Amino acid sequence: MIKRGGSSQVRKQAEDGVSLLEVVISMAVLTVGMVSMLGVFGLAMATTETSQQDMIAKQLANEAYESIVTARNSTQISWSQIGNAASCSGGVDPASGGIFLPSTSANPTFYPIYQSGADGIFGTCDDTVAGEQTLQDPGPDGIFQTADDVFIALTGYQRSIVFSPVYDSAGVVVPSLQNVTIMVQYSTPQYRQRTYILNSYISQFN
């Protein structure tokens, strides 16, 4: 408070402004935050695009395993036939030994997604003459067998079914048990190859 000529005046304190440096730093922090958020949005969109393909791969692996178990339960094939064939020829199942398409755990062989052949089991030698499988989507109305159903070609998918022996704690093969590994390879819209793996066991007995 300063008094001059009987009157008083109040001197206002100067207010500090925002410096250019502080503005630049704030913009840099904001930019980093926005770029991070854009990365999260991009990842979310990519995940959404591949979710259908992931689901299809899982379904293809499950249907193969379920057909094997069903064939065993119905005694449609013998226990000795549940295994990989040494070779397939003529589009028919071998007369003896395993009837599934040749493949080994050391060197898995991937095949197109064929329809099940005459035996009704996916992944066997007679599938090679049955043609490639298509996936039927119910379309916008959500009802199968209507005019708007969509058929999705599975040309971008490949499957391998490998049977391998199971050993007990003493290193002896368990004759009534096998390990089955089903792998489905496919490519995402980002052109990255992915593999879905289903690993389980199958017993000689129900």
N, C-alpha and C. Protein backbone atom coordinates (compact mmCIF):
# COMPACT_ATOMS: atom_id res chain seq x y z
N MET A 1 0.86 -1.18 0.00
CA MET A 1 0.00 0.00 0.00
C MET A 1 0.89 1.23 0.00
N ILE A 2 0.69 2.08 -0.98
CA ILE A 2 1.48 3.33 -1.07
C ILE A 2 0.53 4.50 -1.05
N LYS A 3 0.80 5.46 -0.15
CA LYS A 3 -0.04 6.66 -0.02
C LYS A 3 0.62 7.80 -0.76
N ARG A 4 -0.11 8.44 -1.63
CA ARG A 4 0.36 9.60 -2.36
C ARG A 4 -0.74 10.64 -2.42
N GLY A 5 -0.45 11.84 -1.85
CA GLY A 5 -1.42 12.93 -1.90
C GLY A 5 -2.74 12.58 -1.28
N GLY A 6 -2.71 11.92 -0.15
CA GLY A 6 -3.92 11.59 0.56
C GLY A 6 -4.70 10.45 -0.03
N SER A 7 -4.24 9.90 -1.11
CA SER A 7 -4.94 8.76 -1.70
C SER A 7 -4.03 7.54 -1.66
N SER A 8 -4.62 6.46 -1.74
CA SER A 8 -3.84 5.21 -1.65
C SER A 8 -4.00 4.42 -2.93
N GLN A 9 -2.95 3.77 -3.31
CA GLN A 9 -2.97 2.90 -4.49
C GLN A 9 -2.41 1.53 -4.12
N VAL A 10 -2.99 0.54 -4.71
CA VAL A 10 -2.51 -0.83 -4.48
C VAL A 10 -1.76 -1.29 -5.70
N ARG A 11 -0.51 -1.64 -5.51
CA ARG A 11 0.32 -2.11 -6.63
C ARG A 11 0.09 -3.61 -6.81
N LYS A 12 -0.38 -3.97 -7.96
CA LYS A 12 -0.64 -5.38 -8.23
C LYS A 12 0.67 -6.11 -8.55
N GLN A 13 0.77 -7.27 -7.99
CA GLN A 13 1.95 -8.07 -8.26
C GLN A 13 1.87 -8.63 -9.69
N ALA A 14 2.99 -8.66 -10.33
CA ALA A 14 3.04 -9.17 -11.70
C ALA A 14 2.76 -10.66 -11.71
N GLU A 15 1.93 -11.10 -12.65
CA GLU A 15 1.61 -12.53 -12.78
C GLU A 15 2.57 -13.18 -13.76
N ASP A 16 3.10 -14.33 -13.34
CA ASP A 16 4.04 -15.05 -14.20
C ASP A 16 3.28 -15.75 -15.32
N GLY A 17 3.75 -15.74 -16.55
CA GLY A 17 3.14 -16.44 -17.67
C GLY A 17 3.77 -17.80 -17.88
N VAL A 18 3.26 -18.55 -18.86
CA VAL A 18 3.79 -19.88 -19.19
C VAL A 18 4.89 -19.70 -20.23
N SER A 19 6.03 -20.24 -19.91
CA SER A 19 7.16 -20.09 -20.81
C SER A 19 7.03 -21.01 -22.02
N LEU A 20 7.75 -20.69 -23.07
CA LEU A 20 7.73 -21.51 -24.28
C LEU A 20 8.26 -22.90 -24.01
N LEU A 21 9.24 -23.02 -23.13
CA LEU A 21 9.81 -24.32 -22.79
C LEU A 21 8.76 -25.22 -22.15
N GLU A 22 7.96 -24.64 -21.25
CA GLU A 22 6.92 -25.44 -20.59
C GLU A 22 5.87 -25.90 -21.59
N VAL A 23 5.54 -25.06 -22.56
CA VAL A 23 4.58 -25.45 -23.59
C VAL A 23 5.12 -26.61 -24.41
N VAL A 24 6.40 -26.54 -24.79
CA VAL A 24 7.01 -27.60 -25.58
C VAL A 24 7.02 -28.91 -24.82
N ILE A 25 7.37 -28.85 -23.54
CA ILE A 25 7.41 -30.06 -22.71
C ILE A 25 6.01 -30.66 -22.59
N SER A 26 5.00 -29.81 -22.38
CA SER A 26 3.62 -30.30 -22.26
C SER A 26 3.17 -30.98 -23.54
N MET A 27 3.52 -30.39 -24.69
CA MET A 27 3.13 -30.98 -25.96
C MET A 27 3.83 -32.32 -26.18
N ALA A 28 5.08 -32.41 -25.74
CA ALA A 28 5.82 -33.67 -25.90
C ALA A 28 5.18 -34.78 -25.06
N VAL A 29 4.81 -34.44 -23.81
CA VAL A 29 4.16 -35.43 -22.93
C VAL A 29 2.81 -35.86 -23.52
N LEU A 30 2.05 -34.89 -24.02
CA LEU A 30 0.75 -35.20 -24.61
C LEU A 30 0.90 -36.07 -25.85
N THR A 31 1.92 -35.79 -26.66
CA THR A 31 2.15 -36.58 -27.87
C THR A 31 2.49 -38.02 -27.53
N VAL A 32 3.35 -38.21 -26.53
CA VAL A 32 3.71 -39.57 -26.12
C VAL A 32 2.48 -40.33 -25.65
N GLY A 33 1.64 -39.66 -24.87
CA GLY A 33 0.41 -40.31 -24.39
C GLY A 33 -0.52 -40.69 -25.51
N MET A 34 -0.67 -39.81 -26.50
CA MET A 34 -1.57 -40.09 -27.63
C MET A 34 -1.04 -41.23 -28.49
N VAL A 35 0.28 -41.24 -28.71
CA VAL A 35 0.88 -42.33 -29.51
C VAL A 35 0.67 -43.67 -28.81
N SER A 36 0.82 -43.68 -27.48
CA SER A 36 0.60 -44.92 -26.72
C SER A 36 -0.83 -45.40 -26.86
N MET A 37 -1.78 -44.47 -26.78
CA MET A 37 -3.19 -44.84 -26.92
C MET A 37 -3.49 -45.36 -28.32
N LEU A 38 -2.89 -44.76 -29.34
CA LEU A 38 -3.09 -45.24 -30.70
C LEU A 38 -2.56 -46.66 -30.87
N GLY A 39 -1.44 -46.97 -30.21
CA GLY A 39 -0.90 -48.32 -30.26
C GLY A 39 -1.85 -49.33 -29.64
N VAL A 40 -2.49 -48.94 -28.53
CA VAL A 40 -3.46 -49.83 -27.87
C VAL A 40 -4.66 -50.05 -28.79
N PHE A 41 -5.15 -48.98 -29.43
CA PHE A 41 -6.28 -49.12 -30.34
C PHE A 41 -5.93 -50.02 -31.52
N GLY A 42 -4.71 -49.87 -32.05
CA GLY A 42 -4.28 -50.70 -33.16
C GLY A 42 -4.23 -52.18 -32.78
N LEU A 43 -3.72 -52.46 -31.56
CA LEU A 43 -3.66 -53.84 -31.09
C LEU A 43 -5.06 -54.41 -30.91
N ALA A 44 -5.98 -53.60 -30.39
CA ALA A 44 -7.35 -54.05 -30.19
C ALA A 44 -8.02 -54.38 -31.52
N MET A 45 -7.78 -53.55 -32.53
CA MET A 45 -8.37 -53.79 -33.85
C MET A 45 -7.79 -55.05 -34.48
N ALA A 46 -6.48 -55.24 -34.33
CA ALA A 46 -5.85 -56.44 -34.90
C ALA A 46 -6.38 -57.70 -34.23
N THR A 47 -6.58 -57.63 -32.91
CA THR A 47 -7.11 -58.78 -32.17
C THR A 47 -8.53 -59.10 -32.62
N THR A 48 -9.32 -58.06 -32.86
CA THR A 48 -10.69 -58.26 -33.32
C THR A 48 -10.71 -58.92 -34.70
N GLU A 49 -9.80 -58.50 -35.59
CA GLU A 49 -9.75 -59.06 -36.93
C GLU A 49 -9.35 -60.53 -36.93
N THR A 50 -8.50 -60.94 -36.00
CA THR A 50 -8.01 -62.32 -35.98
C THR A 50 -8.85 -63.24 -35.09
N SER A 51 -9.81 -62.69 -34.34
CA SER A 51 -10.57 -63.51 -33.40
C SER A 51 -11.36 -64.59 -34.13
N GLN A 52 -11.93 -64.27 -35.30
CA GLN A 52 -12.68 -65.27 -36.06
C GLN A 52 -11.76 -66.38 -36.55
N GLN A 53 -10.58 -66.01 -37.03
CA GLN A 53 -9.64 -67.02 -37.49
C GLN A 53 -9.17 -67.91 -36.36
N ASP A 54 -8.93 -67.32 -35.19
CA ASP A 54 -8.54 -68.11 -34.02
C ASP A 54 -9.63 -69.11 -33.66
N MET A 55 -10.88 -68.66 -33.73
CA MET A 55 -12.00 -69.54 -33.40
C MET A 55 -12.12 -70.68 -34.40
N ILE A 56 -11.92 -70.37 -35.70
CA ILE A 56 -11.99 -71.41 -36.73
C ILE A 56 -10.89 -72.44 -36.52
N ALA A 57 -9.68 -71.99 -36.22
CA ALA A 57 -8.56 -72.92 -35.99
C ALA A 57 -8.85 -73.84 -34.81
N LYS A 58 -9.40 -73.27 -33.75
CA LYS A 58 -9.75 -74.08 -32.57
C LYS A 58 -10.82 -75.10 -32.93
N GLN A 59 -11.81 -74.69 -33.72
CA GLN A 59 -12.88 -75.60 -34.12
C GLN A 59 -12.35 -76.74 -34.99
N LEU A 60 -11.43 -76.44 -35.90
CA LEU A 60 -10.88 -77.46 -36.78
C LEU A 60 -10.07 -78.50 -35.99
N ALA A 61 -9.36 -78.04 -34.98
CA ALA A 61 -8.60 -78.98 -34.14
C ALA A 61 -9.55 -79.84 -33.30
N ASN A 62 -10.58 -79.22 -32.75
CA ASN A 62 -11.53 -79.96 -31.90
C ASN A 62 -12.32 -80.99 -32.70
N GLU A 63 -12.74 -80.63 -33.92
CA GLU A 63 -13.54 -81.57 -34.71
C GLU A 63 -12.71 -82.81 -35.07
N ALA A 64 -11.42 -82.61 -35.32
CA ALA A 64 -10.57 -83.76 -35.64
C ALA A 64 -10.43 -84.68 -34.44
N TYR A 65 -10.20 -84.09 -33.27
CA TYR A 65 -10.04 -84.90 -32.07
C TYR A 65 -11.34 -85.63 -31.71
N GLU A 66 -12.46 -84.92 -31.83
CA GLU A 66 -13.74 -85.53 -31.49
C GLU A 66 -14.09 -86.67 -32.44
N SER A 67 -13.72 -86.55 -33.72
CA SER A 67 -14.01 -87.63 -34.67
C SER A 67 -13.17 -88.87 -34.34
N ILE A 68 -11.95 -88.66 -33.86
CA ILE A 68 -11.10 -89.80 -33.46
C ILE A 68 -11.71 -90.51 -32.26
N VAL A 69 -12.12 -89.73 -31.26
CA VAL A 69 -12.71 -90.32 -30.05
C VAL A 69 -14.01 -91.03 -30.38
N THR A 70 -14.83 -90.43 -31.24
CA THR A 70 -16.10 -91.04 -31.62
C THR A 70 -15.88 -92.36 -32.35
N ALA A 71 -14.89 -92.40 -33.25
CA ALA A 71 -14.59 -93.63 -33.97
C ALA A 71 -14.12 -94.73 -33.02
N ARG A 72 -13.35 -94.35 -32.01
CA ARG A 72 -12.91 -95.35 -31.03
C ARG A 72 -14.09 -95.84 -30.20
N ASN A 73 -14.93 -94.92 -29.74
CA ASN A 73 -16.07 -95.30 -28.89
C ASN A 73 -17.06 -96.19 -29.62
N SER A 74 -17.23 -95.95 -30.92
CA SER A 74 -18.19 -96.74 -31.69
C SER A 74 -17.57 -98.00 -32.28
N THR A 75 -16.30 -98.24 -31.94
CA THR A 75 -15.52 -99.37 -32.48
C THR A 75 -15.56 -99.40 -34.01
N GLN A 76 -15.67 -98.23 -34.61
CA GLN A 76 -15.66 -98.14 -36.07
C GLN A 76 -14.30 -98.53 -36.62
N ILE A 77 -13.25 -98.21 -35.87
CA ILE A 77 -11.90 -98.60 -36.25
C ILE A 77 -11.25 -99.29 -35.07
N SER A 78 -10.26 -100.09 -35.34
CA SER A 78 -9.56 -100.81 -34.27
C SER A 78 -8.50 -99.91 -33.65
N TRP A 79 -8.01 -100.31 -32.51
CA TRP A 79 -6.98 -99.54 -31.82
C TRP A 79 -5.70 -99.45 -32.66
N SER A 80 -5.39 -100.50 -33.39
CA SER A 80 -4.18 -100.49 -34.22
C SER A 80 -4.29 -99.50 -35.38
N GLN A 81 -5.49 -99.12 -35.76
CA GLN A 81 -5.68 -98.17 -36.85
C GLN A 81 -5.55 -96.71 -36.41
N ILE A 82 -5.57 -96.48 -35.09
CA ILE A 82 -5.43 -95.12 -34.58
C ILE A 82 -3.94 -94.80 -34.51
N GLY A 83 -3.44 -94.29 -35.60
CA GLY A 83 -2.03 -93.95 -35.70
C GLY A 83 -1.75 -93.40 -37.08
N ASN A 84 -0.55 -92.89 -37.28
CA ASN A 84 -0.18 -92.33 -38.58
C ASN A 84 0.27 -93.42 -39.53
N ALA A 85 -0.22 -93.35 -40.76
CA ALA A 85 0.18 -94.31 -41.79
C ALA A 85 1.60 -94.00 -42.25
N ALA A 86 2.28 -95.02 -42.71
CA ALA A 86 3.62 -94.81 -43.27
C ALA A 86 3.52 -94.05 -44.58
N SER A 87 2.45 -94.32 -45.34
CA SER A 87 2.21 -93.62 -46.61
C SER A 87 0.76 -93.81 -46.98
N CYS A 88 0.27 -92.90 -47.82
CA CYS A 88 -1.10 -92.99 -48.33
C CYS A 88 -1.04 -93.03 -49.85
N SER A 89 -1.86 -93.87 -50.44
CA SER A 89 -1.89 -93.92 -51.90
C SER A 89 -3.30 -94.28 -52.37
N GLY A 90 -3.69 -93.71 -53.47
CA GLY A 90 -4.99 -94.06 -54.07
C GLY A 90 -6.19 -93.50 -53.34
N GLY A 91 -5.97 -92.66 -52.33
CA GLY A 91 -7.10 -92.08 -51.62
C GLY A 91 -7.89 -93.08 -50.81
N VAL A 92 -7.23 -94.13 -50.34
CA VAL A 92 -7.91 -95.13 -49.49
C VAL A 92 -7.07 -95.35 -48.24
N ASP A 93 -7.73 -95.79 -47.17
CA ASP A 93 -7.03 -96.08 -45.93
C ASP A 93 -6.21 -97.36 -46.09
N PRO A 94 -5.01 -97.41 -45.53
CA PRO A 94 -4.20 -98.63 -45.61
C PRO A 94 -4.93 -99.83 -45.01
N ALA A 95 -4.63 -101.00 -45.54
CA ALA A 95 -5.29 -102.21 -45.07
C ALA A 95 -4.85 -102.60 -43.66
N SER A 96 -3.67 -102.17 -43.27
CA SER A 96 -3.18 -102.49 -41.92
C SER A 96 -2.40 -101.32 -41.37
N GLY A 97 -2.30 -101.27 -40.05
CA GLY A 97 -1.58 -100.18 -39.40
C GLY A 97 -2.42 -98.92 -39.32
N GLY A 98 -1.77 -97.82 -38.99
CA GLY A 98 -2.48 -96.55 -38.83
C GLY A 98 -3.07 -96.06 -40.13
N ILE A 99 -4.20 -95.36 -40.01
CA ILE A 99 -4.89 -94.89 -41.22
C ILE A 99 -4.86 -93.37 -41.35
N PHE A 100 -4.22 -92.67 -40.40
CA PHE A 100 -4.18 -91.22 -40.46
C PHE A 100 -3.02 -90.74 -41.34
N LEU A 101 -3.20 -89.57 -41.93
CA LEU A 101 -2.21 -89.03 -42.87
C LEU A 101 -0.82 -89.04 -42.26
N PRO A 102 0.20 -89.39 -43.04
CA PRO A 102 1.56 -89.49 -42.50
C PRO A 102 2.05 -88.18 -41.88
N SER A 103 2.62 -88.29 -40.71
CA SER A 103 3.19 -87.14 -40.01
C SER A 103 3.93 -87.67 -38.79
N THR A 104 4.95 -86.94 -38.37
CA THR A 104 5.72 -87.36 -37.19
C THR A 104 5.88 -86.16 -36.26
N SER A 105 6.14 -86.45 -35.00
CA SER A 105 6.34 -85.38 -34.03
C SER A 105 7.62 -84.61 -34.33
N ALA A 106 8.62 -85.30 -34.88
CA ALA A 106 9.89 -84.63 -35.20
C ALA A 106 9.75 -83.74 -36.43
N ASN A 107 8.88 -84.15 -37.35
CA ASN A 107 8.69 -83.38 -38.59
C ASN A 107 7.21 -83.40 -38.97
N PRO A 108 6.39 -82.58 -38.31
CA PRO A 108 4.95 -82.58 -38.60
C PRO A 108 4.67 -82.17 -40.05
N THR A 109 3.78 -82.89 -40.69
CA THR A 109 3.38 -82.57 -42.06
C THR A 109 1.97 -81.99 -42.04
N PHE A 110 1.82 -80.82 -42.66
CA PHE A 110 0.53 -80.15 -42.66
C PHE A 110 -0.17 -80.40 -43.99
N TYR A 111 -1.49 -80.68 -43.89
CA TYR A 111 -2.30 -80.97 -45.06
C TYR A 111 -3.45 -79.98 -45.15
N PRO A 112 -4.01 -79.80 -46.36
CA PRO A 112 -5.21 -78.97 -46.48
C PRO A 112 -6.34 -79.53 -45.60
N ILE A 113 -7.31 -78.69 -45.31
CA ILE A 113 -8.44 -79.13 -44.49
C ILE A 113 -9.43 -79.86 -45.39
N TYR A 114 -9.24 -81.18 -45.48
CA TYR A 114 -10.12 -81.99 -46.31
C TYR A 114 -11.43 -82.30 -45.58
N GLN A 115 -12.46 -82.60 -46.36
CA GLN A 115 -13.67 -83.17 -45.78
C GLN A 115 -13.36 -84.60 -45.36
N SER A 116 -14.18 -85.13 -44.47
CA SER A 116 -13.96 -86.52 -44.07
C SER A 116 -14.34 -87.43 -45.22
N GLY A 117 -13.55 -88.47 -45.41
CA GLY A 117 -13.79 -89.41 -46.51
C GLY A 117 -14.85 -90.43 -46.18
N ALA A 118 -14.73 -91.59 -46.79
CA ALA A 118 -15.74 -92.64 -46.65
C ALA A 118 -15.88 -93.12 -45.20
N ASP A 119 -14.78 -93.06 -44.44
CA ASP A 119 -14.85 -93.54 -43.05
C ASP A 119 -15.46 -92.52 -42.10
N GLY A 120 -15.67 -91.28 -42.55
CA GLY A 120 -16.27 -90.25 -41.70
C GLY A 120 -15.36 -89.69 -40.63
N ILE A 121 -14.07 -89.98 -40.72
CA ILE A 121 -13.11 -89.52 -39.73
C ILE A 121 -12.19 -88.49 -40.37
N PHE A 122 -12.01 -87.37 -39.72
CA PHE A 122 -11.15 -86.32 -40.27
C PHE A 122 -9.68 -86.69 -40.11
N GLY A 123 -8.91 -86.40 -41.15
CA GLY A 123 -7.46 -86.56 -41.07
C GLY A 123 -6.93 -87.91 -41.50
N THR A 124 -7.78 -88.74 -42.11
CA THR A 124 -7.33 -90.06 -42.55
C THR A 124 -6.98 -90.04 -44.04
N CYS A 125 -6.37 -91.12 -44.52
CA CYS A 125 -5.86 -91.16 -45.89
C CYS A 125 -6.95 -90.99 -46.94
N ASP A 126 -8.17 -91.48 -46.66
CA ASP A 126 -9.21 -91.39 -47.68
C ASP A 126 -9.79 -89.98 -47.80
N ASP A 127 -9.34 -89.07 -46.96
CA ASP A 127 -9.83 -87.68 -47.06
C ASP A 127 -9.28 -86.97 -48.29
N THR A 128 -8.15 -87.44 -48.80
CA THR A 128 -7.47 -86.72 -49.88
C THR A 128 -8.28 -86.66 -51.17
N VAL A 129 -9.28 -87.55 -51.33
CA VAL A 129 -10.12 -87.54 -52.53
C VAL A 129 -11.50 -86.97 -52.23
N ALA A 130 -11.71 -86.49 -51.01
CA ALA A 130 -13.04 -86.00 -50.61
C ALA A 130 -13.22 -84.52 -50.89
N GLY A 131 -12.16 -83.83 -51.27
CA GLY A 131 -12.27 -82.39 -51.52
C GLY A 131 -12.04 -81.59 -50.25
N GLU A 132 -11.74 -80.30 -50.45
CA GLU A 132 -11.46 -79.44 -49.30
C GLU A 132 -12.75 -78.99 -48.62
N GLN A 133 -12.65 -78.79 -47.35
CA GLN A 133 -13.80 -78.45 -46.52
C GLN A 133 -14.10 -76.95 -46.57
N THR A 134 -15.38 -76.60 -46.44
CA THR A 134 -15.78 -75.21 -46.29
C THR A 134 -16.55 -75.05 -44.99
N LEU A 135 -16.48 -73.87 -44.43
CA LEU A 135 -17.18 -73.59 -43.18
C LEU A 135 -18.45 -72.81 -43.49
N GLN A 136 -19.57 -73.29 -42.96
CA GLN A 136 -20.86 -72.64 -43.21
C GLN A 136 -21.21 -71.70 -42.07
N ASP A 137 -21.39 -70.43 -42.40
CA ASP A 137 -21.77 -69.42 -41.41
C ASP A 137 -23.26 -69.12 -41.59
N PRO A 138 -24.01 -68.96 -40.50
CA PRO A 138 -25.47 -68.77 -40.62
C PRO A 138 -25.90 -67.46 -41.27
N GLY A 139 -24.98 -66.53 -41.46
CA GLY A 139 -25.34 -65.26 -42.10
C GLY A 139 -26.02 -64.28 -41.16
N PRO A 140 -26.51 -63.16 -41.71
CA PRO A 140 -27.09 -62.10 -40.86
C PRO A 140 -28.28 -62.54 -40.01
N ASP A 141 -29.07 -63.51 -40.50
CA ASP A 141 -30.25 -63.89 -39.73
C ASP A 141 -29.93 -64.87 -38.60
N GLY A 142 -28.69 -65.38 -38.57
CA GLY A 142 -28.29 -66.28 -37.49
C GLY A 142 -28.91 -67.66 -37.58
N ILE A 143 -29.49 -68.02 -38.72
CA ILE A 143 -30.17 -69.31 -38.87
C ILE A 143 -29.48 -70.10 -39.99
N PHE A 144 -29.13 -71.36 -39.70
CA PHE A 144 -28.50 -72.20 -40.71
C PHE A 144 -29.52 -72.66 -41.76
N GLN A 145 -28.98 -73.03 -42.91
CA GLN A 145 -29.76 -73.56 -44.02
C GLN A 145 -30.78 -72.57 -44.57
N THR A 146 -30.41 -71.28 -44.56
CA THR A 146 -31.24 -70.26 -45.20
C THR A 146 -30.45 -69.61 -46.32
N ALA A 147 -31.14 -68.78 -47.11
CA ALA A 147 -30.54 -68.24 -48.32
C ALA A 147 -29.33 -67.34 -48.06
N ASP A 148 -29.26 -66.74 -46.86
CA ASP A 148 -28.16 -65.80 -46.61
C ASP A 148 -26.94 -66.46 -45.96
N ASP A 149 -26.92 -67.78 -45.89
CA ASP A 149 -25.76 -68.47 -45.32
C ASP A 149 -24.50 -68.14 -46.12
N VAL A 150 -23.40 -68.02 -45.42
CA VAL A 150 -22.12 -67.69 -46.04
C VAL A 150 -21.18 -68.89 -45.91
N PHE A 151 -20.55 -69.28 -47.01
CA PHE A 151 -19.61 -70.40 -47.00
C PHE A 151 -18.19 -69.86 -47.08
N ILE A 152 -17.41 -70.19 -46.06
CA ILE A 152 -16.05 -69.68 -45.95
C ILE A 152 -15.07 -70.78 -46.38
N ALA A 153 -14.29 -70.50 -47.41
CA ALA A 153 -13.27 -71.46 -47.86
C ALA A 153 -12.14 -71.52 -46.84
N LEU A 154 -11.68 -72.72 -46.58
CA LEU A 154 -10.62 -72.92 -45.59
C LEU A 154 -9.27 -73.13 -46.26
N THR A 155 -9.09 -72.48 -47.40
CA THR A 155 -7.84 -72.65 -48.15
C THR A 155 -6.63 -72.09 -47.40
N GLY A 156 -6.84 -71.18 -46.47
CA GLY A 156 -5.73 -70.61 -45.73
C GLY A 156 -5.34 -71.39 -44.49
N TYR A 157 -5.96 -72.56 -44.30
CA TYR A 157 -5.71 -73.37 -43.10
C TYR A 157 -5.09 -74.70 -43.49
N GLN A 158 -4.23 -75.21 -42.62
CA GLN A 158 -3.64 -76.54 -42.78
C GLN A 158 -3.63 -77.23 -41.44
N ARG A 159 -3.73 -78.56 -41.47
CA ARG A 159 -3.82 -79.31 -40.21
C ARG A 159 -2.86 -80.49 -40.21
N SER A 160 -2.32 -80.77 -39.05
CA SER A 160 -1.45 -81.93 -38.85
C SER A 160 -1.92 -82.70 -37.63
N ILE A 161 -2.04 -84.01 -37.78
CA ILE A 161 -2.42 -84.88 -36.66
C ILE A 161 -1.28 -85.87 -36.44
N VAL A 162 -0.72 -85.85 -35.25
CA VAL A 162 0.43 -86.70 -34.95
C VAL A 162 0.13 -87.57 -33.73
N PHE A 163 0.31 -88.87 -33.89
CA PHE A 163 0.19 -89.80 -32.77
C PHE A 163 1.60 -90.21 -32.33
N SER A 164 1.81 -90.26 -31.04
CA SER A 164 3.12 -90.66 -30.52
C SER A 164 2.92 -91.51 -29.27
N PRO A 165 3.87 -92.42 -28.99
CA PRO A 165 3.73 -93.31 -27.84
C PRO A 165 3.85 -92.58 -26.51
N VAL A 166 3.29 -93.19 -25.49
CA VAL A 166 3.37 -92.67 -24.12
C VAL A 166 4.20 -93.65 -23.31
N TYR A 167 5.13 -93.13 -22.51
CA TYR A 167 6.02 -93.97 -21.72
C TYR A 167 5.69 -93.84 -20.23
N ASP A 168 5.88 -94.95 -19.50
CA ASP A 168 5.68 -94.88 -18.05
C ASP A 168 6.97 -94.40 -17.39
N SER A 169 6.98 -94.38 -16.06
CA SER A 169 8.12 -93.85 -15.32
C SER A 169 9.40 -94.66 -15.54
N ALA A 170 9.24 -95.93 -15.96
CA ALA A 170 10.41 -96.77 -16.22
C ALA A 170 10.87 -96.68 -17.67
N GLY A 171 10.22 -95.84 -18.46
CA GLY A 171 10.61 -95.70 -19.86
C GLY A 171 10.04 -96.75 -20.77
N VAL A 172 9.02 -97.47 -20.30
CA VAL A 172 8.39 -98.52 -21.10
C VAL A 172 7.13 -97.96 -21.77
N VAL A 173 6.93 -98.32 -23.02
CA VAL A 173 5.77 -97.83 -23.76
C VAL A 173 4.48 -98.38 -23.15
N VAL A 174 3.50 -97.49 -22.95
CA VAL A 174 2.17 -97.90 -22.46
C VAL A 174 1.35 -98.27 -23.69
N PRO A 175 1.06 -99.55 -23.92
CA PRO A 175 0.43 -99.97 -25.18
C PRO A 175 -1.02 -99.52 -25.34
N SER A 176 -1.68 -99.19 -24.25
CA SER A 176 -3.11 -98.83 -24.31
C SER A 176 -3.33 -97.32 -24.29
N LEU A 177 -2.27 -96.54 -24.51
CA LEU A 177 -2.40 -95.09 -24.43
C LEU A 177 -1.53 -94.44 -25.49
N GLN A 178 -2.06 -93.41 -26.13
CA GLN A 178 -1.30 -92.66 -27.12
C GLN A 178 -1.46 -91.16 -26.87
N ASN A 179 -0.42 -90.43 -27.24
CA ASN A 179 -0.49 -88.98 -27.21
C ASN A 179 -0.89 -88.51 -28.60
N VAL A 180 -1.85 -87.59 -28.67
CA VAL A 180 -2.28 -87.06 -29.96
C VAL A 180 -2.11 -85.55 -29.95
N THR A 181 -1.43 -85.04 -30.95
CA THR A 181 -1.19 -83.61 -31.09
C THR A 181 -1.78 -83.14 -32.41
N ILE A 182 -2.71 -82.22 -32.33
CA ILE A 182 -3.36 -81.67 -33.52
C ILE A 182 -2.96 -80.21 -33.64
N MET A 183 -2.35 -79.86 -34.78
CA MET A 183 -1.90 -78.49 -35.01
C MET A 183 -2.60 -77.92 -36.24
N VAL A 184 -3.06 -76.70 -36.11
CA VAL A 184 -3.70 -76.01 -37.24
C VAL A 184 -2.91 -74.74 -37.51
N GLN A 185 -2.39 -74.62 -38.73
CA GLN A 185 -1.65 -73.43 -39.14
C GLN A 185 -2.53 -72.54 -40.00
N TYR A 186 -2.41 -71.23 -39.81
CA TYR A 186 -3.17 -70.28 -40.61
C TYR A 186 -2.47 -68.93 -40.56
N SER A 187 -2.84 -68.06 -41.49
CA SER A 187 -2.23 -66.74 -41.57
C SER A 187 -3.26 -65.68 -41.20
N THR A 188 -2.83 -64.67 -40.48
CA THR A 188 -3.69 -63.57 -40.06
C THR A 188 -3.69 -62.49 -41.15
N PRO A 189 -4.61 -61.51 -41.06
CA PRO A 189 -4.60 -60.42 -42.05
C PRO A 189 -3.28 -59.66 -42.10
N GLN A 190 -2.51 -59.72 -41.03
CA GLN A 190 -1.20 -59.06 -41.02
C GLN A 190 -0.12 -59.96 -41.63
N TYR A 191 -0.56 -61.07 -42.25
CA TYR A 191 0.33 -62.00 -42.94
C TYR A 191 1.33 -62.66 -41.98
N ARG A 192 0.91 -62.81 -40.75
CA ARG A 192 1.74 -63.53 -39.79
C ARG A 192 1.17 -64.93 -39.61
N GLN A 193 2.01 -65.94 -39.72
CA GLN A 193 1.53 -67.31 -39.57
C GLN A 193 1.38 -67.65 -38.09
N ARG A 194 0.27 -68.27 -37.77
CA ARG A 194 0.01 -68.67 -36.40
C ARG A 194 -0.32 -70.15 -36.38
N THR A 195 -0.15 -70.76 -35.22
CA THR A 195 -0.43 -72.19 -35.06
C THR A 195 -1.23 -72.41 -33.80
N TYR A 196 -2.36 -73.08 -33.95
CA TYR A 196 -3.15 -73.49 -32.78
C TYR A 196 -2.83 -74.96 -32.50
N ILE A 197 -2.51 -75.29 -31.26
CA ILE A 197 -2.09 -76.65 -30.90
C ILE A 197 -3.04 -77.23 -29.86
N LEU A 198 -3.56 -78.40 -30.16
CA LEU A 198 -4.38 -79.16 -29.21
C LEU A 198 -3.61 -80.43 -28.88
N ASN A 199 -3.26 -80.61 -27.64
CA ASN A 199 -2.50 -81.79 -27.22
C ASN A 199 -3.32 -82.55 -26.18
N SER A 200 -3.51 -83.83 -26.42
CA SER A 200 -4.30 -84.63 -25.49
C SER A 200 -3.86 -86.09 -25.56
N TYR A 201 -4.58 -86.94 -24.85
CA TYR A 201 -4.29 -88.37 -24.86
C TYR A 201 -5.55 -89.12 -25.31
N ILE A 202 -5.33 -90.29 -25.87
CA ILE A 202 -6.45 -91.16 -26.22
C ILE A 202 -6.11 -92.57 -25.74
N SER A 203 -7.08 -93.17 -25.09
CA SER A 203 -6.88 -94.51 -24.53
C SER A 203 -7.54 -95.55 -25.41
N GLN A 204 -7.07 -96.76 -25.28
CA GLN A 204 -7.66 -97.87 -26.01
C GLN A 204 -9.08 -98.16 -25.53
N PHE A 205 -9.34 -97.77 -24.30
CA PHE A 205 -10.62 -98.10 -23.67
C PHE A 205 -11.48 -96.85 -23.54
N ASN A 206 -12.78 -97.01 -23.58
CA ASN A 206 -13.71 -95.88 -23.44
C ASN A 206 -13.61 -95.26 -22.05
